[in-house]
Amino acid sequence: MDKLQGKVALVTGASRGIGRGIALRLAQEGALVAVHYGTKQTAAEEVVREIQGSGGAALAVGADLSSLDGVHQLFASLDEQLIEHTGYHRFDILVNNAGWGHAATIDQVKEESFDAIMNINVKAPLFVIQQALSRMRDGGCIINMASMATRFALPHLLEYSISKGAVNTLTLVLAQQLGSRQITVNAISPGFIDTDMNVETLATQEGQQFAAGLSTFGRWGQPADVADIAAFLASHDSRWVTGQIIDASGGSRL
């Protein structure tokens, strides 16, 4: 354990779900974790307290990532807190987890919802990475959150699927560009995970059967299933892995 001792990580959208699981896991490995939240400050502070209660180190940082101003606000706050905690504003690990989506087929897509999804799922990771690179140490890592929705057709998740396809392309391009700095760039593509976003589906027996039936293992995923992969990608163990889209769907629709 403690493979990330001395490392500093920023996890966006870390107040709940997969982001929360990743924040807890990276802290367990010894990293100081910046727990980003958009609106759920109380939940983010609870994650920080849980990490600290287990002997880890964490801080909460809030920002609305739907605009470039919010991205600048994120790093202004992060810089200030990191300098207070460590004496510098450099960090090693960036996990772009913040995301949003809703059901819509081609005939249901509206400009407002399309723009909102693209702002959070594509524009935010792009500009968060842009601002992070001057602060990130050589030899660090970037982990983007993609989706199994890019691997097979889900017509009712058209906007979301498009946005995650863009994340895959961003991952590939930056892996090539940042190799000279020994920075790895990879994406994780989760399947159906037990998070707040899927609570309505799992509330019914029919929904549970659907979720479990997607995976070859006959169950739906837990945040820890994804967080363990993130911990590997954030560690030195993955130093020879970059530009990869790692499927974390439990073999969904093989």
Protein backbone atom coordinates (compact mmCIF):
# COMPACT_ATOMS: atom_id res chain seq x y z
CA MET A 1 0.00 0.00 0.00
CA ASP A 2 0.94 3.68 0.07
CA LYS A 3 1.96 3.54 -3.58
CA LEU A 4 0.99 7.20 -3.91
CA GLN A 5 2.77 8.49 -0.82
CA GLY A 6 3.93 12.05 -1.43
CA LYS A 7 1.64 12.48 -4.45
CA VAL A 8 -1.11 15.06 -4.82
CA ALA A 9 -4.30 14.27 -6.73
CA LEU A 10 -7.23 16.33 -8.01
CA VAL A 11 -10.46 14.40 -8.58
CA THR A 12 -13.32 16.34 -10.18
CA GLY A 13 -16.88 15.45 -9.29
CA ALA A 14 -15.66 13.64 -6.19
CA SER A 15 -18.51 14.34 -3.77
CA ARG A 16 -20.39 11.18 -4.71
CA GLY A 17 -20.46 8.06 -6.87
CA ILE A 18 -17.42 7.00 -8.84
CA GLY A 19 -15.54 10.20 -8.05
CA ARG A 20 -16.01 9.66 -4.33
CA GLY A 21 -14.80 6.08 -4.66
CA ILE A 22 -11.69 7.19 -6.55
CA ALA A 23 -10.92 9.94 -4.01
CA LEU A 24 -11.15 7.45 -1.14
CA ARG A 25 -9.00 4.90 -2.97
CA LEU A 26 -6.24 7.34 -3.92
CA ALA A 27 -6.14 8.62 -0.35
CA GLN A 28 -5.88 5.03 0.88
CA GLU A 29 -2.75 4.72 -1.26
CA GLY A 30 -1.23 7.76 0.45
CA ALA A 31 -2.10 10.65 -1.88
CA LEU A 32 -3.25 14.06 -0.68
CA VAL A 33 -6.59 14.32 -2.50
CA ALA A 34 -8.35 17.50 -3.60
CA VAL A 35 -12.05 16.57 -3.58
CA HIS A 36 -13.79 18.78 -6.16
CA TYR A 37 -17.51 19.46 -6.03
CA GLY A 38 -19.89 21.49 -8.14
CA THR A 39 -22.81 22.16 -5.79
CA LYS A 40 -22.65 19.41 -3.16
CA GLN A 41 -20.29 21.06 -0.67
CA THR A 42 -21.61 19.13 2.33
CA ALA A 43 -21.11 15.80 0.58
CA ALA A 44 -17.57 16.77 -0.48
CA GLU A 45 -16.70 17.79 3.07
CA GLU A 46 -18.01 14.43 4.28
CA VAL A 47 -15.62 12.70 1.87
CA VAL A 48 -12.76 14.81 3.24
CA ARG A 49 -13.71 13.89 6.82
CA GLU A 50 -13.90 10.20 5.91
CA ILE A 51 -10.42 10.33 4.39
CA GLN A 52 -9.00 12.21 7.35
CA GLY A 53 -10.73 9.83 9.76
CA SER A 54 -8.85 6.96 8.13
CA GLY A 55 -5.53 8.73 8.56
CA GLY A 56 -5.39 10.22 5.07
CA ALA A 57 -5.09 13.77 3.79
CA ALA A 58 -7.70 15.64 1.77
CA LEU A 59 -9.22 19.03 1.07
CA ALA A 60 -12.43 20.18 -0.62
CA VAL A 61 -12.49 22.58 -3.55
CA GLY A 62 -15.66 23.90 -5.17
CA ALA A 63 -16.21 25.24 -8.69
CA ASP A 64 -18.85 25.18 -11.41
CA LEU A 65 -17.05 23.57 -14.32
CA SER A 66 -19.72 24.40 -16.89
CA SER A 67 -17.83 27.57 -17.81
CA LEU A 68 -14.22 28.57 -18.32
CA ASP A 69 -14.56 31.04 -15.45
CA GLY A 70 -15.38 28.09 -13.22
CA VAL A 71 -12.25 26.26 -14.34
CA HIS A 72 -10.14 29.29 -13.44
CA GLN A 73 -11.95 29.48 -10.08
CA LEU A 74 -11.12 25.82 -9.45
CA PHE A 75 -7.40 26.34 -9.87
CA ALA A 76 -7.30 29.63 -8.00
CA SER A 77 -8.85 27.89 -5.00
CA LEU A 78 -6.75 24.76 -5.44
CA ASP A 79 -3.51 26.76 -5.69
CA GLU A 80 -4.31 28.60 -2.49
CA GLN A 81 -5.18 25.47 -0.53
CA LEU A 82 -2.26 23.42 -1.80
CA ILE A 83 0.20 26.17 -0.91
CA GLU A 84 -1.34 26.25 2.57
CA HIS A 85 -1.10 22.47 2.95
CA THR A 86 2.17 21.70 1.17
CA GLY A 87 3.95 24.97 0.45
CA TYR A 88 3.55 24.64 -3.32
CA HIS A 89 0.76 24.33 -5.88
CA ARG A 90 2.17 21.45 -7.90
CA PHE A 91 0.33 18.13 -8.19
CA ASP A 92 0.75 14.74 -9.84
CA ILE A 93 -2.60 13.13 -10.62
CA LEU A 94 -5.67 14.52 -12.39
CA VAL A 95 -8.89 12.53 -12.59
CA ASN A 96 -11.52 14.10 -14.85
CA ASN A 97 -14.59 12.45 -13.41
CA ALA A 98 -17.20 15.25 -13.31
CA GLY A 99 -19.91 14.51 -15.85
CA TRP A 100 -23.58 14.71 -16.65
CA GLY A 101 -26.06 13.00 -18.91
CA HIS A 102 -29.72 12.30 -19.53
CA ALA A 103 -31.82 10.14 -21.81
CA ALA A 104 -32.60 11.53 -25.26
CA THR A 105 -32.89 10.02 -28.74
CA ILE A 106 -32.14 11.98 -31.91
CA ASP A 107 -35.71 13.31 -32.15
CA GLN A 108 -35.63 14.47 -28.50
CA VAL A 109 -32.30 16.32 -28.48
CA LYS A 110 -32.55 20.00 -27.57
CA GLU A 111 -29.82 22.58 -28.04
CA GLU A 112 -29.89 23.54 -24.35
CA SER A 113 -29.30 19.99 -23.06
CA PHE A 114 -26.73 19.27 -25.78
CA ASP A 115 -24.72 22.34 -24.83
CA ALA A 116 -24.98 21.52 -21.12
CA ILE A 117 -23.65 17.99 -21.63
CA MET A 118 -20.83 19.14 -23.90
CA ASN A 119 -19.83 21.87 -21.45
CA ILE A 120 -19.44 19.44 -18.54
CA ASN A 121 -18.32 16.28 -20.34
CA VAL A 122 -16.02 17.71 -23.03
CA LYS A 123 -15.24 21.41 -22.55
CA ALA A 124 -14.52 21.07 -18.83
CA PRO A 125 -11.99 18.20 -19.09
CA LEU A 126 -10.26 19.95 -21.99
CA PHE A 127 -9.73 23.23 -20.14
CA VAL A 128 -9.10 21.59 -16.77
CA ILE A 129 -6.23 19.70 -18.41
CA GLN A 130 -5.02 22.87 -20.12
CA GLN A 131 -4.81 24.68 -16.80
CA ALA A 132 -3.41 21.64 -14.98
CA LEU A 133 -0.43 21.07 -17.24
CA SER A 134 1.59 24.04 -15.98
CA ARG A 135 1.02 22.77 -12.43
CA MET A 136 1.52 19.07 -13.03
CA ARG A 137 4.87 17.47 -12.36
CA ASP A 138 6.57 15.49 -15.11
CA GLY A 139 5.88 11.80 -14.62
CA GLY A 140 2.30 12.44 -13.50
CA CYS A 141 -0.90 11.01 -14.89
CA ILE A 142 -4.25 12.08 -16.29
CA ILE A 143 -7.25 9.78 -16.03
CA ASN A 144 -10.39 10.65 -18.00
CA MET A 145 -13.78 9.09 -17.38
CA ALA A 146 -15.28 7.71 -20.57
CA SER A 147 -18.15 5.21 -20.89
CA MET A 148 -19.12 1.85 -22.32
CA ALA A 149 -21.62 3.92 -24.33
CA THR A 150 -18.85 4.48 -26.89
CA ARG A 151 -18.47 0.74 -27.53
CA PHE A 152 -22.01 -0.12 -28.65
CA ALA A 153 -25.10 1.79 -29.69
CA LEU A 154 -27.33 3.29 -27.00
CA PRO A 155 -29.78 5.43 -29.01
CA HIS A 156 -31.46 6.83 -25.88
CA LEU A 157 -28.12 8.24 -24.67
CA LEU A 158 -27.12 9.97 -27.90
CA GLU A 159 -25.74 13.24 -26.48
CA TYR A 160 -23.92 11.48 -23.64
CA SER A 161 -22.40 8.91 -26.03
CA ILE A 162 -21.13 11.64 -28.35
CA SER A 163 -19.52 13.48 -25.45
CA LYS A 164 -17.72 10.39 -24.21
CA GLY A 165 -16.48 9.64 -27.72
CA ALA A 166 -14.83 13.06 -27.63
CA VAL A 167 -13.21 12.16 -24.30
CA ASN A 168 -11.68 9.08 -25.91
CA THR A 169 -10.21 11.19 -28.71
CA LEU A 170 -8.88 13.75 -26.22
CA THR A 171 -7.21 10.93 -24.30
CA LEU A 172 -5.49 9.52 -27.36
CA VAL A 173 -4.20 12.88 -28.63
CA LEU A 174 -2.86 14.02 -25.24
CA ALA A 175 -1.17 10.69 -24.58
CA GLN A 176 0.91 11.28 -27.70
CA GLN A 177 1.60 14.94 -26.91
CA LEU A 178 2.53 14.49 -23.24
CA GLY A 179 4.73 11.44 -23.62
CA SER A 180 7.82 13.64 -23.71
CA ARG A 181 6.99 14.71 -20.16
CA GLN A 182 6.48 11.08 -19.08
CA ILE A 183 2.83 11.93 -18.28
CA THR A 184 0.46 9.03 -18.92
CA VAL A 185 -3.04 9.75 -20.23
CA ASN A 186 -5.68 7.04 -20.10
CA ALA A 187 -9.46 6.73 -19.93
CA ILE A 188 -11.69 4.36 -17.98
CA SER A 189 -14.99 3.26 -19.53
CA PRO A 190 -17.37 2.16 -16.76
CA GLY A 191 -20.47 0.11 -17.37
CA PHE A 192 -23.58 0.24 -15.20
CA ILE A 193 -22.46 1.37 -11.74
CA ASP A 194 -24.45 1.63 -8.50
CA THR A 195 -24.45 5.43 -8.13
CA ASP A 196 -26.99 8.19 -7.56
CA MET A 197 -27.39 8.54 -11.32
CA ASN A 198 -28.77 5.00 -11.54
CA VAL A 199 -30.82 4.88 -8.35
CA GLU A 200 -34.17 4.94 -10.20
CA THR A 201 -33.21 1.99 -12.38
CA LEU A 202 -32.07 -0.08 -9.40
CA ALA A 203 -35.23 0.75 -7.47
CA THR A 204 -37.22 -1.83 -9.44
CA GLN A 205 -36.76 -5.56 -9.92
CA GLU A 206 -36.94 -5.10 -13.67
CA GLY A 207 -34.21 -2.47 -13.54
CA GLN A 208 -32.01 -4.66 -11.37
CA GLN A 209 -32.38 -7.55 -13.80
CA PHE A 210 -31.46 -5.25 -16.68
CA ALA A 211 -28.38 -3.89 -14.87
CA ALA A 212 -27.14 -7.30 -13.77
CA GLY A 213 -27.81 -8.79 -17.20
CA LEU A 214 -25.47 -6.38 -18.96
CA SER A 215 -22.35 -7.91 -17.40
CA THR A 216 -20.97 -11.37 -18.00
CA PHE A 217 -20.58 -11.60 -14.21
CA GLY A 218 -24.32 -11.25 -13.66
CA ARG A 219 -24.12 -8.18 -11.42
CA TRP A 220 -23.92 -4.43 -11.69
CA GLY A 221 -20.76 -2.54 -10.80
CA GLN A 222 -19.75 -0.71 -7.65
CA PRO A 223 -17.67 2.49 -7.49
CA ALA A 224 -14.80 0.47 -6.00
CA ASP A 225 -14.64 -1.60 -9.21
CA VAL A 226 -13.66 1.56 -11.08
CA ALA A 227 -11.64 3.14 -8.26
CA ASP A 228 -9.24 0.20 -8.11
CA ILE A 229 -8.44 0.69 -11.81
CA ALA A 230 -7.87 4.40 -11.22
CA ALA A 231 -5.47 3.58 -8.38
CA PHE A 232 -3.47 1.36 -10.72
CA LEU A 233 -3.35 4.02 -13.44
CA ALA A 234 -2.26 6.63 -10.89
CA SER A 235 0.61 4.48 -9.62
CA HIS A 236 4.08 3.75 -10.97
CA ASP A 237 2.82 0.25 -11.80
CA SER A 238 1.11 1.68 -14.92
CA ARG A 239 4.15 3.62 -16.17
CA TRP A 240 4.13 1.74 -19.52
CA VAL A 241 0.39 2.22 -20.13
CA THR A 242 -0.81 5.32 -21.97
CA GLY A 243 -3.33 6.26 -24.63
CA GLN A 244 -5.61 3.41 -23.55
CA ILE A 245 -9.38 3.23 -23.14
CA ILE A 246 -9.79 0.67 -20.37
CA ASP A 247 -13.13 -1.10 -20.33
CA ALA A 248 -14.56 -1.32 -16.81
CA SER A 249 -17.98 -2.69 -17.64
CA GLY A 250 -17.64 -6.21 -16.29
CA GLY A 251 -17.70 -7.58 -19.82
CA SER A 252 -20.98 -5.89 -20.72
CA ARG A 253 -22.39 -7.02 -24.07
CA LEU A 254 -19.32 -8.98 -25.11
